[in-house]
């Protein structure tokens, strides 16, 4: 599961403030450094009514994750989910090649955190 942000769109947003929020999000998930094995972060994925939800440390809220039915089936069957949170912005219209290059660049710079979770 890849989590990233787009460049700032609102007047009060900046790359730095959004990056700080993404780091706080990664901390809430207990994600580890990119240059160490991805830690197990507990059971964070829940599937309700066919939709996956990510529990990210707030007891009141969960994040609905858009996913293909095949992915949901794999996760429901007990497959591991690697969560990668990137701190650098990526254009919303980025295609697969741009996204791949961005993930690799964030990894090389240490601008990401990761972990492994499972369905409850």
N, C-alpha and C. Protein backbone atom coordinates (compact mmCIF):
# COMPACT_ATOMS: atom_id res chain seq x y z
N UNK A 1 0.85 -1.15 0.00
CA UNK A 1 0.00 0.00 0.00
C UNK A 1 0.91 1.23 0.00
N UNK A 2 0.77 2.05 -1.01
CA UNK A 2 1.61 3.23 -1.16
C UNK A 2 0.83 4.47 -0.76
N UNK A 3 1.40 5.24 0.16
CA UNK A 3 0.76 6.46 0.62
C UNK A 3 1.70 7.62 0.36
N UNK A 4 1.19 8.62 -0.34
CA UNK A 4 1.99 9.79 -0.68
C UNK A 4 1.07 10.99 -0.74
N UNK A 5 1.63 12.15 -0.94
CA UNK A 5 0.82 13.36 -1.06
C UNK A 5 1.14 14.07 -2.37
N UNK A 6 0.18 14.83 -2.81
CA UNK A 6 0.37 15.65 -4.01
C UNK A 6 0.96 17.00 -3.57
N UNK A 7 1.48 17.78 -4.52
CA UNK A 7 2.00 19.11 -4.15
C UNK A 7 0.91 19.96 -3.51
N UNK A 8 1.31 20.95 -2.72
CA UNK A 8 0.34 21.82 -2.04
C UNK A 8 -0.64 22.45 -3.03
N UNK A 9 -1.91 22.53 -2.60
CA UNK A 9 -2.95 23.12 -3.44
C UNK A 9 -3.62 24.31 -2.78
N UNK A 10 -3.59 24.37 -1.48
CA UNK A 10 -4.26 25.43 -0.74
C UNK A 10 -3.25 26.44 -0.22
N UNK A 11 -3.71 27.65 0.05
CA UNK A 11 -2.81 28.74 0.45
C UNK A 11 -2.05 28.43 1.74
N UNK A 12 -2.67 27.71 2.66
CA UNK A 12 -2.01 27.43 3.94
C UNK A 12 -1.12 26.19 3.91
N UNK A 13 -1.05 25.50 2.78
CA UNK A 13 -0.23 24.30 2.67
C UNK A 13 1.16 24.62 2.13
N UNK A 14 2.13 23.81 2.54
CA UNK A 14 3.48 23.87 1.99
C UNK A 14 4.00 22.44 1.92
N UNK A 15 5.03 22.24 1.11
CA UNK A 15 5.64 20.91 1.03
C UNK A 15 6.11 20.48 2.42
N UNK A 16 6.66 21.42 3.18
CA UNK A 16 7.16 21.11 4.50
C UNK A 16 6.05 20.72 5.46
N UNK A 17 4.95 21.49 5.46
CA UNK A 17 3.87 21.18 6.41
C UNK A 17 3.20 19.84 6.06
N UNK A 18 3.04 19.57 4.80
CA UNK A 18 2.45 18.29 4.41
C UNK A 18 3.41 17.15 4.73
N UNK A 19 4.69 17.35 4.46
CA UNK A 19 5.69 16.34 4.80
C UNK A 19 5.71 16.05 6.29
N UNK A 20 5.55 17.08 7.11
CA UNK A 20 5.48 16.91 8.56
C UNK A 20 4.27 16.05 8.93
N UNK A 21 3.16 16.31 8.28
CA UNK A 21 1.96 15.51 8.52
C UNK A 21 2.15 14.06 8.11
N UNK A 22 2.82 13.84 6.99
CA UNK A 22 3.08 12.47 6.54
C UNK A 22 4.03 11.75 7.52
N UNK A 23 4.99 12.47 8.08
CA UNK A 23 5.88 11.86 9.08
C UNK A 23 5.10 11.50 10.34
N UNK A 24 4.18 12.37 10.75
CA UNK A 24 3.35 12.07 11.91
C UNK A 24 2.46 10.85 11.64
N UNK A 25 1.95 10.76 10.42
CA UNK A 25 1.14 9.60 10.01
C UNK A 25 1.98 8.33 10.10
N UNK A 26 3.21 8.37 9.57
CA UNK A 26 4.11 7.22 9.63
C UNK A 26 4.44 6.85 11.08
N UNK A 27 4.63 7.85 11.92
CA UNK A 27 4.89 7.60 13.34
C UNK A 27 3.69 6.93 14.00
N UNK A 28 2.48 7.38 13.69
CA UNK A 28 1.27 6.81 14.26
C UNK A 28 1.11 5.34 13.89
N UNK A 29 1.61 4.97 12.72
CA UNK A 29 1.55 3.58 12.27
C UNK A 29 2.73 2.75 12.78
N UNK A 30 3.69 3.39 13.44
CA UNK A 30 4.92 2.73 13.92
C UNK A 30 5.74 2.15 12.78
N UNK A 31 5.79 2.89 11.67
CA UNK A 31 6.58 2.44 10.52
C UNK A 31 8.07 2.62 10.83
N UNK A 32 8.88 1.79 10.21
CA UNK A 32 10.31 1.82 10.46
C UNK A 32 11.08 2.48 9.34
N UNK A 33 12.38 2.71 9.57
CA UNK A 33 13.25 3.31 8.57
C UNK A 33 13.35 2.47 7.31
N UNK A 34 13.55 3.15 6.21
CA UNK A 34 13.60 2.46 4.91
C UNK A 34 14.81 1.55 4.76
N UNK A 35 15.86 1.79 5.52
CA UNK A 35 17.08 1.01 5.36
C UNK A 35 17.20 -0.13 6.37
N UNK A 36 16.10 -0.47 7.02
CA UNK A 36 16.02 -1.62 7.91
C UNK A 36 14.87 -2.50 7.45
N UNK A 37 14.84 -3.76 7.88
CA UNK A 37 13.69 -4.60 7.51
C UNK A 37 12.39 -3.94 7.97
N UNK A 38 11.37 -4.04 7.13
CA UNK A 38 10.07 -3.45 7.48
C UNK A 38 9.51 -4.12 8.72
N UNK A 39 9.22 -3.35 9.79
CA UNK A 39 8.73 -3.97 11.02
C UNK A 39 7.27 -4.41 10.89
N UNK A 40 6.89 -5.39 11.69
CA UNK A 40 5.49 -5.77 11.81
C UNK A 40 4.82 -4.71 12.68
N UNK A 41 3.74 -4.12 12.21
CA UNK A 41 3.12 -3.00 12.91
C UNK A 41 1.75 -3.34 13.49
N UNK A 42 1.47 -4.62 13.62
CA UNK A 42 0.18 -5.03 14.17
C UNK A 42 -0.86 -5.20 13.07
N UNK A 43 -2.03 -5.64 13.48
CA UNK A 43 -3.14 -5.83 12.53
C UNK A 43 -3.81 -4.49 12.30
N UNK A 44 -3.56 -3.88 11.16
CA UNK A 44 -4.04 -2.53 10.86
C UNK A 44 -5.10 -2.50 9.77
N UNK A 45 -5.26 -3.58 9.01
CA UNK A 45 -6.23 -3.60 7.92
C UNK A 45 -7.49 -4.33 8.39
N UNK A 46 -8.62 -3.71 8.17
CA UNK A 46 -9.90 -4.34 8.48
C UNK A 46 -10.76 -4.28 7.22
N UNK A 47 -11.43 -5.35 6.93
CA UNK A 47 -12.31 -5.38 5.77
C UNK A 47 -13.74 -5.43 6.28
N UNK A 48 -14.50 -4.43 5.91
CA UNK A 48 -15.90 -4.32 6.32
C UNK A 48 -16.75 -4.10 5.08
N UNK A 49 -17.72 -4.99 4.89
CA UNK A 49 -18.62 -4.90 3.74
C UNK A 49 -17.86 -4.84 2.43
N UNK A 50 -16.78 -5.58 2.34
CA UNK A 50 -16.00 -5.68 1.12
C UNK A 50 -15.01 -4.56 0.88
N UNK A 51 -14.94 -3.58 1.80
CA UNK A 51 -14.02 -2.45 1.63
C UNK A 51 -12.93 -2.52 2.69
N UNK A 52 -11.67 -2.35 2.30
CA UNK A 52 -10.58 -2.34 3.28
C UNK A 52 -10.47 -0.97 3.97
N UNK A 53 -10.16 -1.02 5.25
CA UNK A 53 -9.98 0.17 6.07
C UNK A 53 -8.65 0.06 6.80
N UNK A 54 -7.96 1.16 6.92
CA UNK A 54 -6.68 1.20 7.62
C UNK A 54 -6.87 1.88 8.97
N UNK A 55 -6.53 1.18 10.04
CA UNK A 55 -6.52 1.77 11.38
C UNK A 55 -5.15 2.40 11.57
N UNK A 56 -5.11 3.70 11.78
CA UNK A 56 -3.83 4.40 11.82
C UNK A 56 -3.51 5.05 13.16
N UNK A 57 -4.13 4.57 14.22
CA UNK A 57 -3.78 5.07 15.54
C UNK A 57 -4.81 5.97 16.18
N UNK A 58 -5.86 6.32 15.45
CA UNK A 58 -6.93 7.15 16.00
C UNK A 58 -8.12 6.22 16.25
N UNK A 59 -8.54 6.11 17.50
CA UNK A 59 -9.63 5.18 17.82
C UNK A 59 -10.96 5.57 17.21
N UNK A 60 -11.11 6.83 16.83
CA UNK A 60 -12.37 7.30 16.28
C UNK A 60 -12.46 7.15 14.77
N UNK A 61 -11.34 7.31 14.07
CA UNK A 61 -11.35 7.34 12.61
C UNK A 61 -10.52 6.22 12.00
N UNK A 62 -10.93 5.82 10.81
CA UNK A 62 -10.17 4.88 10.00
C UNK A 62 -10.17 5.43 8.58
N UNK A 63 -9.20 4.99 7.80
CA UNK A 63 -9.04 5.47 6.43
C UNK A 63 -9.51 4.39 5.47
N UNK A 64 -10.52 4.70 4.65
CA UNK A 64 -11.00 3.75 3.64
C UNK A 64 -9.97 3.71 2.51
N UNK A 65 -9.62 2.51 2.10
CA UNK A 65 -8.58 2.31 1.10
C UNK A 65 -9.21 1.81 -0.20
N UNK A 66 -9.13 2.59 -1.28
CA UNK A 66 -9.65 2.09 -2.55
C UNK A 66 -8.79 0.93 -3.03
N UNK A 67 -9.43 -0.17 -3.39
CA UNK A 67 -8.66 -1.35 -3.79
C UNK A 67 -9.49 -2.23 -4.71
N UNK A 68 -8.79 -2.94 -5.57
CA UNK A 68 -9.43 -3.91 -6.47
C UNK A 68 -9.93 -5.10 -5.65
N UNK A 69 -11.02 -5.72 -6.07
CA UNK A 69 -11.53 -6.90 -5.36
C UNK A 69 -10.47 -7.99 -5.20
N UNK A 70 -9.60 -8.15 -6.18
CA UNK A 70 -8.56 -9.19 -6.08
C UNK A 70 -7.60 -8.89 -4.92
N UNK A 71 -7.29 -7.62 -4.70
CA UNK A 71 -6.41 -7.23 -3.58
C UNK A 71 -7.12 -7.49 -2.25
N UNK A 72 -8.39 -7.12 -2.17
CA UNK A 72 -9.16 -7.34 -0.95
C UNK A 72 -9.22 -8.82 -0.62
N UNK A 73 -9.43 -9.67 -1.63
CA UNK A 73 -9.48 -11.11 -1.43
C UNK A 73 -8.15 -11.64 -0.89
N UNK A 74 -7.05 -11.18 -1.46
CA UNK A 74 -5.72 -11.60 -1.02
C UNK A 74 -5.48 -11.21 0.44
N UNK A 75 -5.84 -10.00 0.79
CA UNK A 75 -5.65 -9.52 2.16
C UNK A 75 -6.57 -10.28 3.13
N UNK A 76 -7.81 -10.49 2.74
CA UNK A 76 -8.76 -11.22 3.59
C UNK A 76 -8.30 -12.65 3.84
N UNK A 77 -7.57 -13.22 2.88
CA UNK A 77 -7.06 -14.58 3.03
C UNK A 77 -5.82 -14.65 3.93
N UNK A 78 -5.34 -13.51 4.40
CA UNK A 78 -4.21 -13.50 5.32
C UNK A 78 -2.89 -13.05 4.74
N UNK A 79 -2.91 -12.58 3.50
CA UNK A 79 -1.67 -12.11 2.89
C UNK A 79 -1.14 -10.86 3.57
N UNK A 80 0.18 -10.72 3.62
CA UNK A 80 0.77 -9.53 4.25
C UNK A 80 0.57 -8.28 3.39
N UNK A 81 0.52 -7.15 4.04
CA UNK A 81 0.39 -5.86 3.36
C UNK A 81 1.59 -5.00 3.77
N UNK A 82 2.38 -4.59 2.78
CA UNK A 82 3.49 -3.68 3.04
C UNK A 82 2.95 -2.27 2.87
N UNK A 83 3.12 -1.45 3.89
CA UNK A 83 2.71 -0.05 3.84
C UNK A 83 3.96 0.80 3.68
N UNK A 84 3.97 1.65 2.66
CA UNK A 84 5.07 2.58 2.42
C UNK A 84 4.50 4.00 2.43
N UNK A 85 5.03 4.84 3.29
CA UNK A 85 4.61 6.24 3.36
C UNK A 85 5.77 7.08 2.84
N UNK A 86 5.49 7.86 1.80
CA UNK A 86 6.50 8.72 1.19
C UNK A 86 6.31 10.15 1.69
N UNK A 87 7.41 10.84 1.90
CA UNK A 87 7.34 12.20 2.42
C UNK A 87 7.43 13.28 1.34
N UNK A 88 7.89 12.95 0.16
CA UNK A 88 8.04 13.92 -0.92
C UNK A 88 6.81 13.90 -1.82
N UNK A 89 6.38 15.06 -2.32
CA UNK A 89 5.16 15.12 -3.14
C UNK A 89 5.33 14.45 -4.50
N UNK A 90 4.22 13.93 -4.99
CA UNK A 90 4.14 13.30 -6.30
C UNK A 90 2.91 13.85 -7.00
N UNK A 91 3.06 14.24 -8.26
CA UNK A 91 1.94 14.81 -9.01
C UNK A 91 0.77 13.83 -9.06
N UNK A 92 -0.44 14.34 -8.89
CA UNK A 92 -1.64 13.50 -8.89
C UNK A 92 -1.79 12.72 -10.19
N UNK A 93 -1.32 13.30 -11.29
CA UNK A 93 -1.49 12.65 -12.59
C UNK A 93 -0.33 11.73 -12.95
N UNK A 94 0.57 11.46 -12.00
CA UNK A 94 1.74 10.62 -12.28
C UNK A 94 1.29 9.22 -12.69
N UNK A 95 1.94 8.71 -13.71
CA UNK A 95 1.65 7.36 -14.18
C UNK A 95 2.51 6.34 -13.45
N UNK A 96 2.41 5.10 -13.89
CA UNK A 96 3.11 4.01 -13.23
C UNK A 96 4.63 4.19 -13.26
N UNK A 97 5.18 4.60 -14.39
CA UNK A 97 6.63 4.78 -14.48
C UNK A 97 7.12 5.92 -13.59
N UNK A 98 6.38 7.03 -13.59
CA UNK A 98 6.76 8.17 -12.73
C UNK A 98 6.65 7.79 -11.25
N UNK A 99 5.61 7.05 -10.92
CA UNK A 99 5.42 6.63 -9.53
C UNK A 99 6.55 5.70 -9.11
N UNK A 100 6.91 4.76 -9.97
CA UNK A 100 8.01 3.84 -9.67
C UNK A 100 9.31 4.61 -9.44
N UNK A 101 9.60 5.56 -10.32
CA UNK A 101 10.83 6.35 -10.19
C UNK A 101 10.79 7.18 -8.90
N UNK A 102 9.63 7.70 -8.55
CA UNK A 102 9.49 8.51 -7.34
C UNK A 102 9.72 7.65 -6.09
N UNK A 103 9.15 6.45 -6.06
CA UNK A 103 9.34 5.56 -4.91
C UNK A 103 10.82 5.22 -4.76
N UNK A 104 11.47 4.90 -5.86
CA UNK A 104 12.90 4.56 -5.81
C UNK A 104 13.74 5.76 -5.33
N UNK A 105 13.39 6.96 -5.79
CA UNK A 105 14.12 8.16 -5.37
C UNK A 105 13.90 8.44 -3.88
N UNK A 106 12.67 8.29 -3.40
CA UNK A 106 12.39 8.48 -1.97
C UNK A 106 13.16 7.46 -1.14
N UNK A 107 13.22 6.22 -1.62
CA UNK A 107 13.97 5.19 -0.91
C UNK A 107 15.45 5.58 -0.84
N UNK A 108 16.00 6.00 -1.96
CA UNK A 108 17.42 6.37 -2.01
C UNK A 108 17.74 7.55 -1.08
N UNK A 109 16.79 8.50 -0.95
CA UNK A 109 17.00 9.68 -0.10
C UNK A 109 16.64 9.43 1.36
N UNK A 110 16.00 8.30 1.62
CA UNK A 110 15.53 8.04 2.99
C UNK A 110 14.29 8.84 3.32
N UNK A 111 13.54 9.22 2.30
CA UNK A 111 12.34 10.04 2.48
C UNK A 111 11.08 9.18 2.49
N UNK A 112 11.13 8.10 3.27
CA UNK A 112 9.99 7.20 3.39
C UNK A 112 10.14 6.36 4.65
N UNK A 113 9.05 5.75 5.07
CA UNK A 113 9.03 4.77 6.15
C UNK A 113 8.15 3.62 5.68
N UNK A 114 8.38 2.42 6.27
CA UNK A 114 7.57 1.29 5.87
C UNK A 114 7.35 0.32 7.02
N UNK A 115 6.37 -0.58 6.80
CA UNK A 115 6.05 -1.61 7.76
C UNK A 115 5.16 -2.65 7.11
N UNK A 116 4.91 -3.74 7.83
CA UNK A 116 4.08 -4.81 7.33
C UNK A 116 2.94 -5.06 8.29
N UNK A 117 1.74 -5.24 7.75
CA UNK A 117 0.55 -5.47 8.54
C UNK A 117 -0.26 -6.61 7.93
N UNK A 118 -1.32 -6.99 8.61
CA UNK A 118 -2.23 -8.03 8.15
C UNK A 118 -3.65 -7.61 8.47
N UNK A 119 -4.59 -8.30 7.84
CA UNK A 119 -6.01 -8.13 8.12
C UNK A 119 -6.32 -8.71 9.50
N UNK A 120 -7.22 -8.06 10.22
CA UNK A 120 -7.62 -8.54 11.55
C UNK A 120 -8.45 -9.78 11.38
